[in-house]
Amino acid sequence: MKRILGILSLAIFYITSLASSESTPPVKTSKLPVDKKDPRECDCFTVSGADPGYFQHYKLWDFRAVPLKKTEEQHPPEQDDDSDEWDEWGEGEDIDEDEDEDEEDHEYEEEAFPGSLYFFKTTFDKDWISQKWHRPRTPLAPVTMVNSKRNVFFTKAQDRKDPKATYLVLRTTRHNNFTSTAEIETRVRNIFRCSLRVHMRILPISTVVLQPPHSQEWPSLDPNHHAIAALNDGPNFGNSTSALADASRPPSGACVGIFTYHAKNCESDIEILTSDPSHRVRYANQPDYDPLTDQMIPGAATVADLPVPWTGWTTQRLDWHSDRSRWYVNNQLQEAKTYRVPNLQSRLVINLWSDGGVWTGDMKIGDSIYLAIEYIELAYNRSSDGNERGKIPPEENHGGHQRPRPRPNTTEIGIEDVFEDEERFEPETEILTGAWKKKKKHNRCKKGKKGKKCREKKKKEKQKHGKGGGGGHSTGPKCQRMCNIDELHFGSVD
């Protein structure tokens, strides 16, 4: 009898164990296929649309969860300033980055602004540089414009449920005698064809933005040093949405620009005027205006009304191909142009600006406008990949003239140079989520001719240690694993 009970007990235990194992799913030891999650496993990239393109490089700058408080774990590993191929420069080039941190930056080193963080204090600053040049007022642009690094910062995303959610903000503010503006541009200048996506919204007046203090360090508010523009108080002052108290829109008087740039007659633009209806956007390849006839050039620019407003989250997309430029919103084609497609290596620029001129209009004194960005996604080629660098066609009809509105990207910082002796690099793919920059001693070469010997020395050291250099790199790398960035949704938002 005991033997029978023992056998029954073993049978019951076996059946119970079997039932338990069937009801509890086994622990998965293998991960999902990497190519559905991680673009770093891809060799080259295509995009959706009429022209899938062929891009050797991919980058995603993700601003949606940037740590706003510094911890020991958030320090990035210390590395050589020139070790990242995105931040690589050709021999003899002028470099726009600062040789040393400004004294003004040190003043804010230990100050904490709850819920916000300056862009230049993060590792994103290695790829995108916040501009700080200024432009004095002119008859066409009657308000002095001052770019400040402190107008580019991260803040908590108040419109997201996740308490850790963040986004990047560009800010412009109208003061008495000047407008404080914001611009970021890539340190790399030799992008040659790309598909660019910026997931963004222009924040309505009603949006609460946790932000650092406004930039007041320059110019002085003393009218003896800088004449106060009367445009804001006189009959020329346009309709201000803040005056109309429309909380669903930003104030009027500013322009958001997203564009490729080599020269004023070699760029492709997305531009949004805050004085326009919130569904309207402007696309153009430059030049789009002929001052000799005071007429817009046919086929150069389009004013489009979008299916969604830019006061809500949209993905603005620009595809720069060899024969045409295409513009999309949320991957829906809005416009395509074959006129003056850029044919020279370029940088990428995102800005928010106002100069009181005819194009932007003038902001009301005290008004601020905010551009929020959750991520920037880029599939691209570089002129150093072996592509032939083209030449700007002769100006047969328009003489290379520009629309009579000073553009903030045409400044004194020497960005129209053509760079020679560029190195060739293998394909690269990277996702950047941000970390605090570790304070360290800079080891950069001086700008221009003064730093040429220094750059040559660094180049030889890299070649000696197998980093970069021109030897042994193929001009046409093989692609064994192609990924479509729109099908895999690398930069998608939940």
Protein backbone atom coordinates (compact mmCIF):
# COMPACT_ATOMS: atom_id res chain seq x y z
CA MET A 1 0.00 0.00 0.00
CA LYS A 2 2.80 2.43 0.90
CA ARG A 3 4.50 1.58 -2.38
CA ILE A 4 1.32 2.40 -4.32
CA LEU A 5 0.93 5.72 -2.44
CA GLY A 6 4.55 6.60 -3.22
CA ILE A 7 4.03 5.94 -6.93
CA LEU A 8 0.85 8.06 -6.89
CA SER A 9 2.71 10.89 -5.15
CA LEU A 10 5.45 10.87 -7.76
CA ALA A 11 2.84 10.86 -10.54
CA ILE A 12 0.98 13.81 -9.01
CA PHE A 13 4.26 15.73 -8.58
CA TYR A 14 5.22 15.10 -12.22
CA ILE A 15 1.80 16.18 -13.54
CA THR A 16 1.84 19.32 -11.37
CA SER A 17 5.34 20.24 -12.55
CA LEU A 18 4.38 19.70 -16.15
CA ALA A 19 1.27 21.88 -15.81
CA SER A 20 3.30 24.58 -14.13
CA SER A 21 5.93 24.57 -16.85
CA GLU A 22 3.23 24.88 -19.53
CA SER A 23 1.48 27.80 -17.82
CA THR A 24 4.70 29.78 -17.19
CA PRO A 25 6.47 30.88 -20.36
CA PRO A 26 10.14 29.95 -20.53
CA VAL A 27 12.73 32.67 -19.96
CA LYS A 28 13.90 34.06 -23.29
CA THR A 29 17.63 33.92 -23.70
CA SER A 30 17.80 35.42 -27.18
CA LYS A 31 17.04 39.02 -28.05
CA LEU A 32 14.91 40.34 -30.88
CA PRO A 33 16.72 40.72 -34.20
CA VAL A 34 19.11 43.61 -33.85
CA ASP A 35 18.30 45.07 -37.27
CA LYS A 36 14.77 45.86 -36.07
CA LYS A 37 16.06 47.86 -33.12
CA ASP A 38 19.58 49.07 -33.68
CA PRO A 39 20.76 50.87 -36.83
CA ARG A 40 24.35 50.37 -35.73
CA GLU A 41 24.12 46.92 -37.31
CA CYS A 42 23.35 48.42 -40.75
CA ASP A 43 25.95 49.07 -43.44
CA CYS A 44 23.97 51.64 -45.47
CA PHE A 45 20.58 53.33 -45.44
CA THR A 46 17.62 54.10 -47.68
CA VAL A 47 14.48 56.17 -47.13
CA SER A 48 10.82 56.02 -48.09
CA GLY A 49 9.51 57.97 -51.07
CA ALA A 50 10.05 58.16 -54.81
CA ASP A 51 13.85 58.08 -54.43
CA PRO A 52 15.13 55.70 -51.73
CA GLY A 53 18.64 57.08 -52.06
CA TYR A 54 21.80 55.43 -50.86
CA PHE A 55 23.37 56.81 -47.70
CA GLN A 56 26.51 55.49 -46.06
CA HIS A 57 26.05 57.14 -42.65
CA TYR A 58 23.32 57.53 -40.07
CA LYS A 59 22.98 59.55 -36.87
CA LEU A 60 20.15 60.03 -34.41
CA TRP A 61 20.41 62.78 -31.80
CA ASP A 62 17.73 61.84 -29.26
CA PHE A 63 16.76 64.66 -26.88
CA ARG A 64 13.81 62.87 -25.26
CA ALA A 65 15.49 61.68 -22.04
CA VAL A 66 18.49 63.92 -21.39
CA PRO A 67 19.60 63.87 -17.71
CA LEU A 68 19.15 67.40 -16.37
CA LYS A 69 21.05 66.70 -13.15
CA LYS A 70 24.69 65.73 -13.07
CA THR A 71 25.76 62.47 -11.42
CA GLU A 72 29.09 60.66 -11.42
CA GLU A 73 27.72 58.04 -13.80
CA GLN A 74 26.72 60.65 -16.35
CA HIS A 75 30.27 61.76 -17.14
CA PRO A 76 31.25 60.47 -20.57
CA PRO A 77 34.60 58.71 -20.90
CA GLU A 78 37.44 61.12 -21.51
CA GLN A 79 38.68 60.94 -25.08
CA ASP A 80 40.80 62.79 -27.58
CA ASP A 81 39.04 65.83 -29.02
CA ASP A 82 39.71 64.63 -32.56
CA SER A 83 38.82 60.96 -32.13
CA ASP A 84 35.26 61.21 -33.49
CA GLU A 85 35.07 61.08 -37.28
CA TRP A 86 31.94 63.29 -37.24
CA ASP A 87 34.11 66.00 -35.67
CA GLU A 88 36.99 65.42 -38.10
CA TRP A 89 38.35 68.32 -40.12
CA GLY A 90 40.36 68.49 -43.29
CA GLU A 91 43.85 69.84 -43.46
CA GLY A 92 44.05 73.64 -43.32
CA GLU A 93 40.38 74.23 -42.45
CA ASP A 94 39.10 76.95 -40.20
CA ILE A 95 37.30 75.55 -37.19
CA ASP A 96 34.37 77.45 -35.71
CA GLU A 97 34.50 75.74 -32.34
CA ASP A 98 35.89 77.62 -29.35
CA GLU A 99 39.53 77.05 -28.57
CA ASP A 100 38.74 77.30 -24.89
CA GLU A 101 35.62 77.60 -22.83
CA ASP A 102 34.51 81.19 -22.48
CA GLU A 103 34.92 82.90 -19.14
CA GLU A 104 31.19 83.56 -19.23
CA ASP A 105 30.59 79.81 -19.24
CA HIS A 106 32.55 79.41 -16.01
CA GLU A 107 30.26 81.85 -14.28
CA TYR A 108 27.42 79.39 -14.74
CA GLU A 109 29.43 76.24 -14.08
CA GLU A 110 28.10 75.61 -10.60
CA GLU A 111 24.75 77.34 -10.93
CA ALA A 112 21.71 75.08 -11.14
CA PHE A 113 18.55 75.99 -12.98
CA PRO A 114 15.94 73.41 -11.95
CA GLY A 115 14.42 71.61 -14.90
CA SER A 116 16.82 72.94 -17.53
CA LEU A 117 20.34 72.38 -18.86
CA TYR A 118 22.44 74.32 -21.37
CA PHE A 119 23.11 72.50 -24.64
CA PHE A 120 26.82 73.40 -24.60
CA LYS A 121 27.25 71.48 -21.34
CA THR A 122 26.32 68.16 -22.98
CA THR A 123 28.09 65.80 -25.38
CA PHE A 124 25.68 66.85 -28.17
CA ASP A 125 27.93 69.91 -28.41
CA LYS A 126 30.54 67.65 -30.03
CA ASP A 127 28.38 67.40 -33.17
CA TRP A 128 26.32 70.62 -33.09
CA ILE A 129 27.73 73.97 -32.02
CA SER A 130 25.60 76.77 -30.54
CA GLN A 131 26.28 80.03 -32.36
CA LYS A 132 27.23 83.28 -30.62
CA TRP A 133 27.88 85.72 -33.46
CA HIS A 134 25.91 88.94 -33.83
CA ARG A 135 24.77 91.20 -36.66
CA PRO A 136 24.25 94.96 -36.25
CA ARG A 137 21.07 96.60 -37.44
CA THR A 138 20.76 97.73 -41.05
CA PRO A 139 18.06 99.58 -43.03
CA LEU A 140 16.67 96.20 -44.15
CA ALA A 141 17.08 94.61 -40.72
CA PRO A 142 16.44 97.44 -38.23
CA VAL A 143 16.89 95.38 -35.05
CA THR A 144 20.33 94.18 -33.95
CA MET A 145 20.42 90.38 -33.74
CA VAL A 146 22.56 88.57 -31.15
CA ASN A 147 22.94 84.79 -31.09
CA SER A 148 23.51 83.45 -27.59
CA LYS A 149 24.58 79.96 -26.52
CA ARG A 150 22.21 80.37 -23.57
CA ASN A 151 19.23 80.38 -25.90
CA VAL A 152 19.81 76.68 -26.63
CA PHE A 153 18.96 74.40 -23.71
CA PHE A 154 17.18 71.27 -22.56
CA THR A 155 14.05 71.39 -20.45
CA LYS A 156 11.42 69.08 -19.01
CA ALA A 157 8.72 68.14 -21.51
CA GLN A 158 5.62 69.42 -19.76
CA ASP A 159 3.34 67.92 -22.42
CA ARG A 160 4.60 64.35 -21.85
CA LYS A 161 3.40 62.01 -19.10
CA ASP A 162 6.88 60.66 -18.42
CA PRO A 163 8.43 62.83 -15.65
CA LYS A 164 11.89 62.20 -17.16
CA ALA A 165 10.86 63.35 -20.64
CA THR A 166 12.85 66.27 -22.06
CA TYR A 167 13.32 68.15 -25.29
CA LEU A 168 15.74 70.66 -26.77
CA VAL A 169 14.62 74.30 -26.91
CA LEU A 170 15.77 77.18 -29.09
CA ARG A 171 14.63 80.55 -27.74
CA THR A 172 14.44 84.06 -29.16
CA THR A 173 13.51 87.11 -27.07
CA ARG A 174 12.90 90.72 -28.08
CA HIS A 175 14.69 93.24 -25.86
CA ASN A 176 14.68 97.04 -26.13
CA ASN A 177 17.57 97.40 -28.54
CA PHE A 178 18.16 93.90 -29.86
CA THR A 179 16.71 90.45 -30.38
CA SER A 180 18.44 87.56 -28.60
CA THR A 181 18.35 84.61 -31.00
CA ALA A 182 19.38 80.94 -31.28
CA GLU A 183 21.16 78.84 -33.88
CA ILE A 184 22.88 75.46 -33.94
CA GLU A 185 24.83 74.05 -36.85
CA THR A 186 26.81 70.91 -37.50
CA ARG A 187 30.53 71.02 -36.98
CA VAL A 188 30.85 68.82 -40.04
CA ARG A 189 30.78 70.86 -43.22
CA ASN A 190 31.15 68.22 -45.91
CA ILE A 191 27.70 66.61 -45.92
CA PHE A 192 26.92 65.80 -49.55
CA ARG A 193 23.31 64.58 -50.02
CA CYS A 194 21.18 63.62 -47.05
CA SER A 195 17.75 62.86 -45.65
CA LEU A 196 17.12 65.05 -42.60
CA ARG A 197 14.25 64.77 -40.11
CA VAL A 198 13.53 67.16 -37.24
CA HIS A 199 10.73 66.18 -34.84
CA MET A 200 9.60 69.56 -33.52
CA ARG A 201 6.90 72.00 -32.58
CA ILE A 202 6.79 75.76 -32.10
CA LEU A 203 5.41 76.20 -28.62
CA PRO A 204 2.20 78.21 -28.13
CA ILE A 205 2.14 81.12 -25.69
CA SER A 206 0.24 78.95 -23.21
CA THR A 207 3.13 76.44 -22.87
CA VAL A 208 5.10 76.54 -19.61
CA VAL A 209 8.85 76.34 -20.30
CA LEU A 210 11.33 75.73 -17.47
CA GLN A 211 14.34 77.68 -18.66
CA PRO A 212 17.64 79.28 -17.70
CA PRO A 213 17.76 83.08 -17.35
CA HIS A 214 17.46 85.15 -20.52
CA SER A 215 20.69 86.27 -22.12
CA GLN A 216 21.37 89.89 -21.15
CA GLU A 217 25.17 89.97 -21.29
CA TRP A 218 25.34 91.75 -24.67
CA PRO A 219 24.56 94.22 -26.06
CA SER A 220 24.17 96.78 -23.30
CA LEU A 221 20.72 98.26 -22.90
CA ASP A 222 22.31 101.70 -22.76
CA PRO A 223 20.78 103.61 -25.73
CA ASN A 224 24.01 105.60 -26.05
CA HIS A 225 25.72 102.40 -27.19
CA HIS A 226 22.92 100.82 -29.22
CA ALA A 227 20.10 102.79 -30.77
CA ILE A 228 16.64 101.59 -29.83
CA ALA A 229 14.67 100.49 -32.87
CA ALA A 230 11.40 102.42 -33.04
CA LEU A 231 9.82 99.78 -35.26
CA ASN A 232 8.26 98.01 -32.32
CA ASP A 233 6.31 101.02 -31.08
CA GLY A 234 5.38 102.75 -34.32
CA PRO A 235 2.86 102.27 -37.09
CA ASN A 236 5.15 99.75 -38.83
CA PHE A 237 4.69 97.25 -36.00
CA GLY A 238 2.68 94.35 -37.39
CA ASN A 239 -0.04 92.29 -35.76
CA SER A 240 1.32 90.64 -32.64
CA THR A 241 -0.43 87.43 -31.63
CA SER A 242 0.56 88.14 -28.05
CA ALA A 243 -1.35 91.42 -28.32
CA LEU A 244 -4.30 89.43 -29.63
CA ALA A 245 -3.89 87.08 -26.64
CA ASP A 246 -4.13 83.93 -28.77
CA ALA A 247 -2.73 81.35 -26.35
CA SER A 248 -2.80 78.58 -28.97
CA ARG A 249 -0.06 80.25 -31.06
CA PRO A 250 3.39 81.73 -30.50
CA PRO A 251 3.93 85.48 -30.89
CA SER A 252 4.53 86.72 -34.43
CA GLY A 253 7.76 88.21 -35.70
CA ALA A 254 10.23 85.29 -35.90
CA CYS A 255 11.42 82.65 -38.36
CA VAL A 256 12.33 78.99 -37.79
CA GLY A 257 14.87 77.75 -40.31
CA ILE A 258 15.95 74.16 -41.04
CA PHE A 259 18.34 73.95 -43.97
CA THR A 260 21.48 72.76 -45.68
CA TYR A 261 24.03 75.49 -46.26
CA HIS A 262 27.16 76.00 -48.30
CA ALA A 263 26.63 79.51 -49.63
CA LYS A 264 23.75 81.92 -50.07
CA ASN A 265 23.18 80.58 -53.57
CA CYS A 266 23.66 76.94 -52.56
CA GLU A 267 21.18 75.94 -49.86
CA SER A 268 17.88 74.15 -49.41
CA ASP A 269 15.40 75.53 -46.87
CA ILE A 270 12.47 74.76 -44.64
CA GLU A 271 11.24 78.05 -43.16
CA ILE A 272 8.33 78.78 -40.84
CA LEU A 273 7.20 82.31 -40.06
CA THR A 274 5.36 82.68 -36.76
CA SER A 275 3.26 85.43 -38.36
CA ASP A 276 1.90 82.87 -40.84
CA PRO A 277 -1.12 80.63 -40.17
CA SER A 278 -0.02 77.63 -38.10
CA HIS A 279 -0.45 75.21 -41.03
CA ARG A 280 1.83 77.17 -43.39
CA VAL A 281 5.47 76.42 -44.22
CA ARG A 282 7.84 77.71 -46.91
CA TYR A 283 10.20 75.59 -49.01
CA ALA A 284 12.96 76.92 -51.26
CA ASN A 285 16.23 76.29 -53.00
CA GLN A 286 18.35 79.42 -53.11
CA PRO A 287 18.46 81.96 -54.61
CA ASP A 288 14.69 82.45 -54.76
CA TYR A 289 14.57 86.22 -55.32
CA ASP A 290 15.92 88.53 -58.01
CA PRO A 291 16.47 92.07 -56.66
CA LEU A 292 17.04 93.44 -60.17
CA THR A 293 13.42 92.74 -61.08
CA ASP A 294 12.11 92.71 -57.49
CA GLN A 295 10.42 89.40 -58.29
CA MET A 296 10.47 85.89 -56.85
CA ILE A 297 12.24 83.46 -59.19
CA PRO A 298 9.76 80.97 -60.73
CA GLY A 299 10.14 77.44 -59.43
CA ALA A 300 12.49 78.40 -56.58
CA ALA A 301 10.08 78.66 -53.66
CA THR A 302 6.73 77.28 -52.55
CA VAL A 303 4.31 78.38 -49.85
CA ALA A 304 2.59 75.17 -48.69
CA ASP A 305 -0.29 74.57 -46.28
CA LEU A 306 0.33 71.45 -44.22
CA PRO A 307 -2.24 68.86 -43.13
CA VAL A 308 -1.14 69.42 -39.50
CA PRO A 309 -0.16 72.59 -37.58
CA TRP A 310 3.43 73.25 -36.53
CA THR A 311 2.18 74.20 -33.05
CA GLY A 312 1.79 70.44 -32.53
CA TRP A 313 4.47 67.77 -32.88
CA THR A 314 5.43 67.22 -36.53
CA THR A 315 8.40 65.66 -38.28
CA GLN A 316 9.79 68.12 -40.82
CA ARG A 317 11.82 66.24 -43.42
CA LEU A 318 14.17 67.41 -46.17
CA ASP A 319 15.60 64.97 -48.71
CA TRP A 320 18.56 66.32 -50.66
CA HIS A 321 19.21 64.11 -53.68
CA SER A 322 21.43 64.66 -56.71
CA ASP A 323 18.64 65.84 -59.03
CA ARG A 324 15.97 67.28 -56.74
CA SER A 325 15.00 68.38 -53.26
CA ARG A 326 11.93 66.91 -51.59
CA TRP A 327 10.08 68.15 -48.51
CA TYR A 328 7.83 66.04 -46.29
CA VAL A 329 5.73 66.42 -43.15
CA ASN A 330 5.24 63.22 -41.14
CA ASN A 331 6.62 61.38 -44.22
CA GLN A 332 3.89 62.81 -46.46
CA LEU A 333 5.36 64.49 -49.54
CA GLN A 334 4.56 68.22 -49.71
CA GLU A 335 6.83 69.55 -52.46
CA ALA A 336 9.69 68.64 -54.82
CA LYS A 337 12.01 70.92 -56.80
CA THR A 338 14.65 70.44 -59.47
CA TYR A 339 15.60 74.14 -59.48
CA ARG A 340 19.04 74.87 -58.02
CA VAL A 341 19.45 71.63 -56.10
CA PRO A 342 22.53 72.15 -53.86
CA ASN A 343 25.59 70.60 -55.46
CA LEU A 344 28.34 71.39 -52.98
CA GLN A 345 29.27 69.95 -49.61
CA SER A 346 27.27 71.62 -46.87
CA ARG A 347 26.54 71.87 -43.20
CA LEU A 348 23.12 71.63 -41.52
CA VAL A 349 21.61 74.58 -39.65
CA ILE A 350 18.60 74.98 -37.36
CA ASN A 351 17.79 78.45 -36.12
CA LEU A 352 15.15 80.70 -34.58
CA TRP A 353 15.65 84.38 -35.33
CA SER A 354 14.16 87.81 -35.84
CA ASP A 355 15.67 91.07 -37.06
CA GLY A 356 12.63 93.32 -37.42
CA GLY A 357 12.85 93.16 -41.20
CA VAL A 358 10.24 92.55 -43.88
CA TRP A 359 10.73 88.78 -43.86
CA THR A 360 10.43 88.01 -40.14
CA GLY A 361 8.53 91.06 -38.99
CA ASP A 362 9.20 92.47 -35.55
CA MET A 363 8.49 90.88 -32.18
CA LYS A 364 6.87 92.87 -29.41
CA ILE A 365 9.36 93.98 -26.76
CA GLY A 366 9.36 91.38 -23.99
CA ASP A 367 7.98 88.55 -26.16
CA SER A 368 9.75 85.18 -26.37
CA ILE A 369 9.29 82.38 -28.88
CA TYR A 370 10.36 78.77 -28.29
CA LEU A 371 11.15 75.98 -30.74
CA ALA A 372 11.05 72.51 -29.15
CA ILE A 373 12.89 69.55 -30.74
CA GLU A 374 12.64 65.93 -29.56
CA TYR A 375 15.11 64.43 -32.00
CA ILE A 376 17.13 65.04 -35.14
CA GLU A 377 17.58 62.09 -37.49
CA LEU A 378 20.00 62.08 -40.40
CA ALA A 379 20.98 59.65 -43.15
CA TYR A 380 23.79 61.18 -45.19
CA ASN A 381 26.82 60.94 -47.40
CA ARG A 382 29.98 63.01 -47.23
CA SER A 383 32.12 64.47 -49.98
CA SER A 384 34.99 62.49 -48.45
CA ASP A 385 33.16 59.23 -49.28
CA GLY A 386 34.38 59.52 -52.86
CA ASN A 387 31.50 61.55 -54.30
CA GLU A 388 32.55 64.14 -56.83
CA ARG A 389 32.17 67.68 -55.59
CA GLY A 390 30.19 69.75 -58.09
CA LYS A 391 30.44 73.38 -59.03
CA ILE A 392 27.79 76.04 -58.69
CA PRO A 393 26.35 76.72 -62.17
CA PRO A 394 26.95 80.19 -63.63
CA GLU A 395 24.38 82.83 -62.71
CA GLU A 396 22.90 83.35 -66.18
CA ASN A 397 19.68 85.12 -65.27
CA HIS A 398 19.81 86.16 -61.64
CA GLY A 399 23.39 87.07 -60.93
CA GLY A 400 23.43 85.05 -57.71
CA HIS A 401 21.31 87.66 -55.94
CA GLN A 402 19.52 86.92 -52.74
CA ARG A 403 16.09 87.92 -51.52
CA PRO A 404 16.49 91.34 -49.79
CA ARG A 405 16.33 89.97 -46.27
CA PRO A 406 19.52 89.45 -44.29
CA ARG A 407 19.78 85.77 -43.43
CA PRO A 408 21.36 84.88 -40.12
CA ASN A 409 23.40 82.08 -41.65
CA THR A 410 25.34 84.44 -43.95
CA THR A 411 27.71 85.86 -41.37
CA GLU A 412 31.31 86.80 -40.87
CA ILE A 413 32.35 83.35 -39.65
CA GLY A 414 33.75 82.14 -42.96
CA ILE A 415 31.31 79.33 -43.73
CA GLU A 416 31.52 79.73 -47.49
CA ASP A 417 35.03 78.29 -47.73
CA VAL A 418 35.65 75.20 -49.83
CA PHE A 419 37.65 72.66 -47.87
CA GLU A 420 40.39 70.66 -49.50
CA ASP A 421 42.40 67.58 -48.55
CA GLU A 422 39.54 65.88 -46.74
CA GLU A 423 40.16 62.44 -45.36
CA ARG A 424 38.12 59.38 -46.28
CA PHE A 425 36.28 57.48 -43.59
CA GLU A 426 34.51 54.20 -43.23
CA PRO A 427 30.69 54.24 -42.86
CA GLU A 428 29.54 55.25 -39.41
CA THR A 429 26.29 54.90 -37.51
CA GLU A 430 25.57 56.38 -34.11
CA ILE A 431 22.72 57.07 -31.69
CA LEU A 432 23.40 59.84 -29.21
CA THR A 433 21.26 60.24 -26.11
CA GLY A 434 23.32 62.84 -24.29
CA ALA A 435 25.44 63.16 -21.19
CA TRP A 436 27.14 65.96 -19.31
CA LYS A 437 30.47 67.04 -20.75
CA LYS A 438 33.39 66.26 -18.51
CA LYS A 439 35.39 69.37 -17.82
CA LYS A 440 38.89 68.89 -19.19
CA LYS A 441 41.80 70.78 -20.59
CA HIS A 442 41.31 71.45 -24.29
CA ASN A 443 43.96 70.35 -26.71
CA ARG A 444 42.74 72.01 -29.89
CA CYS A 445 44.75 73.57 -32.66
CA LYS A 446 44.37 77.26 -33.41
CA LYS A 447 42.14 78.40 -36.23
CA GLY A 448 43.27 79.16 -39.76
CA LYS A 449 46.91 79.29 -40.89
CA LYS A 450 48.24 79.61 -37.32
CA GLY A 451 47.05 76.11 -36.49
CA LYS A 452 48.02 74.42 -39.76
CA LYS A 453 51.23 72.85 -38.41
CA CYS A 454 49.37 71.63 -35.33
CA ARG A 455 46.69 69.96 -37.46
CA GLU A 456 49.29 68.38 -39.74
CA LYS A 457 51.04 66.93 -36.70
CA LYS A 458 47.81 65.47 -35.34
CA LYS A 459 46.99 64.01 -38.74
CA LYS A 460 50.38 62.24 -38.94
CA GLU A 461 49.92 60.86 -35.42
CA LYS A 462 46.53 59.44 -36.37
CA GLN A 463 47.91 57.81 -39.50
CA LYS A 464 50.74 56.33 -37.46
CA HIS A 465 48.32 54.79 -34.96
CA GLY A 466 45.78 53.72 -37.56
CA LYS A 467 43.15 56.37 -36.80
CA GLY A 468 41.76 57.98 -39.92
CA GLY A 469 44.13 58.90 -42.70
CA GLY A 470 43.71 58.40 -46.39
CA GLY A 471 45.53 55.11 -46.92
CA GLY A 472 43.67 51.87 -47.57
CA HIS A 473 40.14 53.24 -47.48
CA SER A 474 37.87 52.30 -50.36
CA THR A 475 35.88 54.98 -52.14
CA GLY A 476 32.84 52.75 -52.56
CA PRO A 477 32.24 50.60 -49.46
CA LYS A 478 30.22 47.46 -49.91
CA CYS A 479 26.74 47.34 -48.44
CA GLN A 480 25.74 43.95 -47.11
CA ARG A 481 23.03 45.06 -44.71
CA MET A 482 20.80 47.85 -46.03
CA CYS A 483 18.19 49.40 -43.74
CA ASN A 484 15.30 51.72 -44.54
CA ILE A 485 15.17 54.25 -41.72
CA ASP A 486 11.43 54.86 -42.14
CA GLU A 487 10.48 51.18 -42.09
CA LEU A 488 12.54 50.48 -38.96
CA HIS A 489 11.43 53.68 -37.18
CA PHE A 490 14.76 54.42 -35.53
CA GLY A 491 13.60 57.88 -34.54
CA SER A 492 9.89 57.20 -34.06
CA VAL A 493 7.93 58.57 -31.12
CA ASP A 494 5.55 56.43 -29.08
